[in-house]
Amino acid sequence: RTWKILSFVVALPGVAVCMLNMYLKMQE
């Protein structure tokens, strides 16, 4: 249960932030 919560609360938003960062850098 702890790892499931960590996956949804930490890992997925972390991946989303990294993808957004890469997208914005490629736009510039």
PDB file of all heavy atoms in Angstrom:
ATOM      1  N   ARG A   1       0.839  -1.202   0.000  1.00  0.00           N
ATOM      2  CA  ARG A   1       0.000   0.000   0.000  1.00  0.00           C
ATOM      3  C   ARG A   1       0.870   1.246   0.000  1.00  0.00           C
ATOM      4  O   ARG A   1       0.606   2.205  -0.731  1.00  0.00           O
ATOM      5  CB  ARG A   1      -0.912  -0.014   1.231  1.00  0.00           C
ATOM      6  CG  ARG A   1      -1.883   1.126   1.274  1.00  0.00           C
ATOM      7  CD  ARG A   1      -2.890   0.954   2.413  1.00  0.00           C
ATOM      8  NE  ARG A   1      -3.845   2.031   2.412  1.00  0.00           N
ATOM      9  CZ  ARG A   1      -3.709   3.165   3.092  1.00  0.00           C
ATOM     10  NH1 ARG A   1      -2.652   3.336   3.858  1.00  0.00           N
ATOM     11  NH2 ARG A   1      -4.610   4.104   3.032  1.00  0.00           N
ATOM     12  N   THR A   2       1.955   1.224   0.798  1.00  0.00           N
ATOM     13  CA  THR A   2       2.871   2.365   0.850  1.00  0.00           C
ATOM     14  C   THR A   2       3.513   2.608  -0.516  1.00  0.00           C
ATOM     15  O   THR A   2       3.566   3.747  -0.982  1.00  0.00           O
ATOM     16  CB  THR A   2       3.972   2.111   1.898  1.00  0.00           C
ATOM     17  OG1 THR A   2       3.359   1.925   3.165  1.00  0.00           O
ATOM     18  CG2 THR A   2       4.953   3.254   1.950  1.00  0.00           C
ATOM     19  N   TRP A   3       3.987   1.549  -1.176  1.00  0.00           N
ATOM     20  CA  TRP A   3       4.627   1.717  -2.479  1.00  0.00           C
ATOM     21  C   TRP A   3       3.630   2.148  -3.537  1.00  0.00           C
ATOM     22  O   TRP A   3       3.979   2.900  -4.457  1.00  0.00           O
ATOM     23  CB  TRP A   3       5.348   0.437  -2.888  1.00  0.00           C
ATOM     24  CG  TRP A   3       6.640   0.306  -2.174  1.00  0.00           C
ATOM     25  CD1 TRP A   3       6.949  -0.545  -1.165  1.00  0.00           C
ATOM     26  CD2 TRP A   3       7.808   1.105  -2.395  1.00  0.00           C
ATOM     27  NE1 TRP A   3       8.223  -0.334  -0.745  1.00  0.00           N
ATOM     28  CE2 TRP A   3       8.787   0.675  -1.478  1.00  0.00           C
ATOM     29  CE3 TRP A   3       8.119   2.146  -3.260  1.00  0.00           C
ATOM     30  CZ2 TRP A   3      10.048   1.238  -1.415  1.00  0.00           C
ATOM     31  CZ3 TRP A   3       9.381   2.706  -3.207  1.00  0.00           C
ATOM     32  CH2 TRP A   3      10.324   2.253  -2.293  1.00  0.00           C
ATOM     33  N   LYS A   4       2.401   1.698  -3.429  1.00  0.00           N
ATOM     34  CA  LYS A   4       1.375   2.119  -4.381  1.00  0.00           C
ATOM     35  C   LYS A   4       1.100   3.612  -4.229  1.00  0.00           C
ATOM     36  O   LYS A   4       1.033   4.343  -5.221  1.00  0.00           O
ATOM     37  CB  LYS A   4       0.096   1.316  -4.143  1.00  0.00           C
ATOM     38  CG  LYS A   4      -0.979   1.544  -5.157  1.00  0.00           C
ATOM     39  CD  LYS A   4      -2.154   0.630  -4.887  1.00  0.00           C
ATOM     40  CE  LYS A   4      -3.225   0.769  -5.927  1.00  0.00           C
ATOM     41  NZ  LYS A   4      -4.353  -0.130  -5.663  1.00  0.00           N
ATOM     42  N   ILE A   5       0.986   4.061  -2.995  1.00  0.00           N
ATOM     43  CA  ILE A   5       0.766   5.493  -2.743  1.00  0.00           C
ATOM     44  C   ILE A   5       1.952   6.305  -3.223  1.00  0.00           C
ATOM     45  O   ILE A   5       1.792   7.347  -3.881  1.00  0.00           O
ATOM     46  CB  ILE A   5       0.482   5.739  -1.244  1.00  0.00           C
ATOM     47  CG1 ILE A   5      -0.889   5.179  -0.872  1.00  0.00           C
ATOM     48  CG2 ILE A   5       0.568   7.216  -0.903  1.00  0.00           C
ATOM     49  CD1 ILE A   5      -1.174   5.166   0.607  1.00  0.00           C
ATOM     50  N   LEU A   6       3.176   5.850  -2.922  1.00  0.00           N
ATOM     51  CA  LEU A   6       4.377   6.563  -3.380  1.00  0.00           C
ATOM     52  C   LEU A   6       4.441   6.629  -4.899  1.00  0.00           C
ATOM     53  O   LEU A   6       4.869   7.652  -5.458  1.00  0.00           O
ATOM     54  CB  LEU A   6       5.638   5.901  -2.834  1.00  0.00           C
ATOM     55  CG  LEU A   6       5.959   6.176  -1.369  1.00  0.00           C
ATOM     56  CD1 LEU A   6       7.140   5.332  -0.930  1.00  0.00           C
ATOM     57  CD2 LEU A   6       6.249   7.642  -1.160  1.00  0.00           C
ATOM     58  N   SER A   7       4.037   5.580  -5.573  1.00  0.00           N
ATOM     59  CA  SER A   7       4.052   5.574  -7.037  1.00  0.00           C
ATOM     60  C   SER A   7       3.142   6.657  -7.592  1.00  0.00           C
ATOM     61  O   SER A   7       3.514   7.378  -8.511  1.00  0.00           O
ATOM     62  CB  SER A   7       3.610   4.219  -7.576  1.00  0.00           C
ATOM     63  OG  SER A   7       4.523   3.231  -7.201  1.00  0.00           O
ATOM     64  N   PHE A   8       1.945   6.764  -7.038  1.00  0.00           N
ATOM     65  CA  PHE A   8       0.994   7.741  -7.558  1.00  0.00           C
ATOM     66  C   PHE A   8       1.294   9.165  -7.098  1.00  0.00           C
ATOM     67  O   PHE A   8       1.048  10.111  -7.833  1.00  0.00           O
ATOM     68  CB  PHE A   8      -0.438   7.360  -7.161  1.00  0.00           C
ATOM     69  CG  PHE A   8      -0.957   6.183  -7.931  1.00  0.00           C
ATOM     70  CD1 PHE A   8      -1.260   5.003  -7.287  1.00  0.00           C
ATOM     71  CD2 PHE A   8      -1.131   6.247  -9.296  1.00  0.00           C
ATOM     72  CE1 PHE A   8      -1.730   3.910  -7.997  1.00  0.00           C
ATOM     73  CE2 PHE A   8      -1.589   5.169 -10.018  1.00  0.00           C
ATOM     74  CZ  PHE A   8      -1.901   3.996  -9.358  1.00  0.00           C
ATOM     75  N   VAL A   9       1.819   9.329  -5.895  1.00  0.00           N
ATOM     76  CA  VAL A   9       2.019  10.663  -5.341  1.00  0.00           C
ATOM     77  C   VAL A   9       3.382  11.251  -5.690  1.00  0.00           C
ATOM     78  O   VAL A   9       3.504  12.449  -5.870  1.00  0.00           O
ATOM     79  CB  VAL A   9       1.820  10.627  -3.802  1.00  0.00           C
ATOM     80  CG1 VAL A   9       2.157  11.948  -3.158  1.00  0.00           C
ATOM     81  CG2 VAL A   9       0.389  10.243  -3.479  1.00  0.00           C
ATOM     82  N   VAL A  10       4.410  10.412  -5.818  1.00  0.00           N
ATOM     83  CA  VAL A  10       5.764  10.915  -6.056  1.00  0.00           C
ATOM     84  C   VAL A  10       6.246  10.602  -7.471  1.00  0.00           C
ATOM     85  O   VAL A  10       6.674  11.497  -8.198  1.00  0.00           O
ATOM     86  CB  VAL A  10       6.748  10.332  -5.017  1.00  0.00           C
ATOM     87  CG1 VAL A  10       8.160  10.770  -5.307  1.00  0.00           C
ATOM     88  CG2 VAL A  10       6.342  10.755  -3.611  1.00  0.00           C
ATOM     89  N   ALA A  11       6.174   9.336  -7.873  1.00  0.00           N
ATOM     90  CA  ALA A  11       6.787   8.923  -9.137  1.00  0.00           C
ATOM     91  C   ALA A  11       6.063   9.500 -10.355  1.00  0.00           C
ATOM     92  O   ALA A  11       6.712  10.082 -11.231  1.00  0.00           O
ATOM     93  CB  ALA A  11       6.823   7.402  -9.221  1.00  0.00           C
ATOM     94  N   LEU A  12       4.763   9.357 -10.438  1.00  0.00           N
ATOM     95  CA  LEU A  12       4.043   9.850 -11.608  1.00  0.00           C
ATOM     96  C   LEU A  12       4.121  11.375 -11.748  1.00  0.00           C
ATOM     97  O   LEU A  12       4.391  11.869 -12.847  1.00  0.00           O
ATOM     98  CB  LEU A  12       2.598   9.364 -11.588  1.00  0.00           C
ATOM     99  CG  LEU A  12       2.431   7.862 -11.820  1.00  0.00           C
ATOM    100  CD1 LEU A  12       0.960   7.472 -11.737  1.00  0.00           C
ATOM    101  CD2 LEU A  12       3.018   7.444 -13.141  1.00  0.00           C
ATOM    102  N   PRO A  13       3.929  12.157 -10.681  1.00  0.00           N
ATOM    103  CA  PRO A  13       4.131  13.598 -10.833  1.00  0.00           C
ATOM    104  C   PRO A  13       5.579  13.950 -11.182  1.00  0.00           C
ATOM    105  O   PRO A  13       5.823  14.899 -11.940  1.00  0.00           O
ATOM    106  CB  PRO A  13       3.741  14.172  -9.468  1.00  0.00           C
ATOM    107  CG  PRO A  13       2.808  13.178  -8.900  1.00  0.00           C
ATOM    108  CD  PRO A  13       3.306  11.852  -9.387  1.00  0.00           C
ATOM    109  N   GLY A  14       6.539  13.189 -10.662  1.00  0.00           N
ATOM    110  CA  GLY A  14       7.936  13.438 -11.007  1.00  0.00           C
ATOM    111  C   GLY A  14       8.193  13.230 -12.484  1.00  0.00           C
ATOM    112  O   GLY A  14       8.882  14.030 -13.131  1.00  0.00           O
ATOM    113  N   VAL A  15       7.641  12.174 -13.046  1.00  0.00           N
ATOM    114  CA  VAL A  15       7.782  11.922 -14.479  1.00  0.00           C
ATOM    115  C   VAL A  15       7.085  13.023 -15.272  1.00  0.00           C
ATOM    116  O   VAL A  15       7.600  13.504 -16.286  1.00  0.00           O
ATOM    117  CB  VAL A  15       7.222  10.529 -14.831  1.00  0.00           C
ATOM    118  CG1 VAL A  15       7.115  10.339 -16.333  1.00  0.00           C
ATOM    119  CG2 VAL A  15       8.092   9.448 -14.221  1.00  0.00           C
ATOM    120  N   ALA A  16       5.908  13.445 -14.824  1.00  0.00           N
ATOM    121  CA  ALA A  16       5.177  14.513 -15.515  1.00  0.00           C
ATOM    122  C   ALA A  16       5.970  15.819 -15.501  1.00  0.00           C
ATOM    123  O   ALA A  16       6.040  16.525 -16.518  1.00  0.00           O
ATOM    124  CB  ALA A  16       3.805  14.715 -14.875  1.00  0.00           C
ATOM    125  N   VAL A  17       6.595  16.159 -14.382  1.00  0.00           N
ATOM    126  CA  VAL A  17       7.394  17.383 -14.301  1.00  0.00           C
ATOM    127  C   VAL A  17       8.601  17.285 -15.235  1.00  0.00           C
ATOM    128  O   VAL A  17       8.947  18.253 -15.923  1.00  0.00           O
ATOM    129  CB  VAL A  17       7.834  17.650 -12.838  1.00  0.00           C
ATOM    130  CG1 VAL A  17       8.912  18.701 -12.757  1.00  0.00           C
ATOM    131  CG2 VAL A  17       6.628  18.061 -12.009  1.00  0.00           C
ATOM    132  N   CYS A  18       9.251  16.130 -15.276  1.00  0.00           N
ATOM    133  CA  CYS A  18      10.396  15.949 -16.181  1.00  0.00           C
ATOM    134  C   CYS A  18       9.974  16.088 -17.640  1.00  0.00           C
ATOM    135  O   CYS A  18      10.685  16.706 -18.442  1.00  0.00           O
ATOM    136  CB  CYS A  18      11.049  14.594 -15.952  1.00  0.00           C
ATOM    137  SG  CYS A  18      11.909  14.471 -14.383  1.00  0.00           S
ATOM    138  N   MET A  19       8.818  15.514 -17.992  1.00  0.00           N
ATOM    139  CA  MET A  19       8.329  15.627 -19.371  1.00  0.00           C
ATOM    140  C   MET A  19       7.998  17.070 -19.714  1.00  0.00           C
ATOM    141  O   MET A  19       8.333  17.548 -20.803  1.00  0.00           O
ATOM    142  CB  MET A  19       7.093  14.748 -19.560  1.00  0.00           C
ATOM    143  CG  MET A  19       7.403  13.271 -19.576  1.00  0.00           C
ATOM    144  SD  MET A  19       5.934  12.231 -19.642  1.00  0.00           S
ATOM    145  CE  MET A  19       5.184  12.755 -21.171  1.00  0.00           C
ATOM    146  N   LEU A  20       7.375  17.795 -18.797  1.00  0.00           N
ATOM    147  CA  LEU A  20       7.058  19.201 -19.024  1.00  0.00           C
ATOM    148  C   LEU A  20       8.334  20.018 -19.182  1.00  0.00           C
ATOM    149  O   LEU A  20       8.436  20.870 -20.078  1.00  0.00           O
ATOM    150  CB  LEU A  20       6.220  19.742 -17.863  1.00  0.00           C
ATOM    151  CG  LEU A  20       5.855  21.222 -17.944  1.00  0.00           C
ATOM    152  CD1 LEU A  20       4.955  21.482 -19.144  1.00  0.00           C
ATOM    153  CD2 LEU A  20       5.197  21.675 -16.664  1.00  0.00           C
ATOM    154  N   ASN A  21       9.319  19.764 -18.339  1.00  0.00           N
ATOM    155  CA  ASN A  21      10.601  20.466 -18.425  1.00  0.00           C
ATOM    156  C   ASN A  21      11.248  20.238 -19.788  1.00  0.00           C
ATOM    157  O   ASN A  21      11.717  21.180 -20.434  1.00  0.00           O
ATOM    158  CB  ASN A  21      11.517  19.993 -17.299  1.00  0.00           C
ATOM    159  CG  ASN A  21      12.824  20.718 -17.282  1.00  0.00           C
ATOM    160  OD1 ASN A  21      12.900  21.891 -17.643  1.00  0.00           O
ATOM    161  ND2 ASN A  21      13.864  20.039 -16.859  1.00  0.00           N
ATOM    162  N   MET A  22      11.275  19.003 -20.257  1.00  0.00           N
ATOM    163  CA  MET A  22      11.882  18.691 -21.555  1.00  0.00           C
ATOM    164  C   MET A  22      11.110  19.351 -22.683  1.00  0.00           C
ATOM    165  O   MET A  22      11.707  19.879 -23.624  1.00  0.00           O
ATOM    166  CB  MET A  22      11.872  17.182 -21.741  1.00  0.00           C
ATOM    167  CG  MET A  22      13.116  16.480 -22.146  1.00  0.00           C
ATOM    168  SD  MET A  22      14.639  17.279 -21.816  1.00  0.00           S
ATOM    169  CE  MET A  22      15.101  17.646 -23.468  1.00  0.00           C
ATOM    170  N   TYR A  23       9.786  19.337 -22.611  1.00  0.00           N
ATOM    171  CA  TYR A  23       8.968  19.950 -23.651  1.00  0.00           C
ATOM    172  C   TYR A  23       9.238  21.447 -23.729  1.00  0.00           C
ATOM    173  O   TYR A  23       9.409  22.005 -24.818  1.00  0.00           O
ATOM    174  CB  TYR A  23       7.487  19.675 -23.371  1.00  0.00           C
ATOM    175  CG  TYR A  23       6.567  20.361 -24.342  1.00  0.00           C
ATOM    176  CD1 TYR A  23       6.404  19.863 -25.621  1.00  0.00           C
ATOM    177  CD2 TYR A  23       5.882  21.513 -23.976  1.00  0.00           C
ATOM    178  CE1 TYR A  23       5.569  20.497 -26.528  1.00  0.00           C
ATOM    179  CE2 TYR A  23       5.048  22.161 -24.871  1.00  0.00           C
ATOM    180  CZ  TYR A  23       4.896  21.641 -26.146  1.00  0.00           C
ATOM    181  OH  TYR A  23       4.086  22.276 -27.043  1.00  0.00           O
ATOM    182  N   LEU A  24       9.288  22.116 -22.570  1.00  0.00           N
ATOM    183  CA  LEU A  24       9.526  23.556 -22.568  1.00  0.00           C
ATOM    184  C   LEU A  24      10.928  23.897 -23.069  1.00  0.00           C
ATOM    185  O   LEU A  24      11.118  24.885 -23.783  1.00  0.00           O
ATOM    186  CB  LEU A  24       9.302  24.124 -21.166  1.00  0.00           C
ATOM    187  CG  LEU A  24       7.854  24.069 -20.669  1.00  0.00           C
ATOM    188  CD1 LEU A  24       7.766  24.542 -19.230  1.00  0.00           C
ATOM    189  CD2 LEU A  24       6.933  24.872 -21.571  1.00  0.00           C
ATOM    190  N   LYS A  25      11.917  23.089 -22.724  1.00  0.00           N
ATOM    191  CA  LYS A  25      13.274  23.335 -23.217  1.00  0.00           C
ATOM    192  C   LYS A  25      13.347  23.145 -24.731  1.00  0.00           C
ATOM    193  O   LYS A  25      14.064  23.867 -25.415  1.00  0.00           O
ATOM    194  CB  LYS A  25      14.274  22.424 -22.524  1.00  0.00           C
ATOM    195  CG  LYS A  25      14.586  22.866 -21.123  1.00  0.00           C
ATOM    196  CD  LYS A  25      15.699  22.031 -20.548  1.00  0.00           C
ATOM    197  CE  LYS A  25      15.916  22.423 -19.124  1.00  0.00           C
ATOM    198  NZ  LYS A  25      17.126  23.172 -18.935  1.00  0.00           N
ATOM    199  N   MET A  26      12.626  22.179 -25.254  1.00  0.00           N
ATOM    200  CA  MET A  26      12.646  21.955 -26.701  1.00  0.00           C
ATOM    201  C   MET A  26      11.918  23.075 -27.440  1.00  0.00           C
ATOM    202  O   MET A  26      12.232  23.355 -28.591  1.00  0.00           O
ATOM    203  CB  MET A  26      12.022  20.604 -27.050  1.00  0.00           C
ATOM    204  CG  MET A  26      12.893  19.422 -26.674  1.00  0.00           C
ATOM    205  SD  MET A  26      14.564  19.497 -27.336  1.00  0.00           S
ATOM    206  CE  MET A  26      14.251  19.400 -29.088  1.00  0.00           C
ATOM    207  N   GLN A  27      10.944  23.708 -26.799  1.00  0.00           N
ATOM    208  CA  GLN A  27      10.259  24.827 -27.433  1.00  0.00           C
ATOM    209  C   GLN A  27      11.191  26.019 -27.588  1.00  0.00           C
ATOM    210  O   GLN A  27      11.120  26.751 -28.560  1.00  0.00           O
ATOM    211  CB  GLN A  27       9.019  25.229 -26.621  1.00  0.00           C
ATOM    212  CG  GLN A  27       7.932  24.183 -26.602  1.00  0.00           C
ATOM    213  CD  GLN A  27       7.430  23.846 -27.988  1.00  0.00           C
ATOM    214  OE1 GLN A  27       7.263  24.707 -28.833  1.00  0.00           O
ATOM    215  NE2 GLN A  27       7.203  22.566 -28.218  1.00  0.00           N
ATOM    216  N   GLU A  28      12.084  26.227 -26.616  1.00  0.00           N
ATOM    217  CA  GLU A  28      13.035  27.330 -26.667  1.00  0.00           C
ATOM    218  C   GLU A  28      14.200  27.033 -27.606  1.00  0.00           C
ATOM    219  O   GLU A  28      14.795  27.936 -28.170  1.00  0.00           O
ATOM    220  CB  GLU A  28      13.608  27.593 -25.279  1.00  0.00           C
ATOM    221  CG  GLU A  28      12.614  28.044 -24.254  1.00  0.00           C
ATOM    222  CD  GLU A  28      13.216  28.105 -22.863  1.00  0.00           C
ATOM    223  OE1 GLU A  28      14.431  27.872 -22.731  1.00  0.00           O
ATOM    224  OE2 GLU A  28      12.467  28.377 -21.924  1.00  0.00           O
TER     225      GLU A  28
END
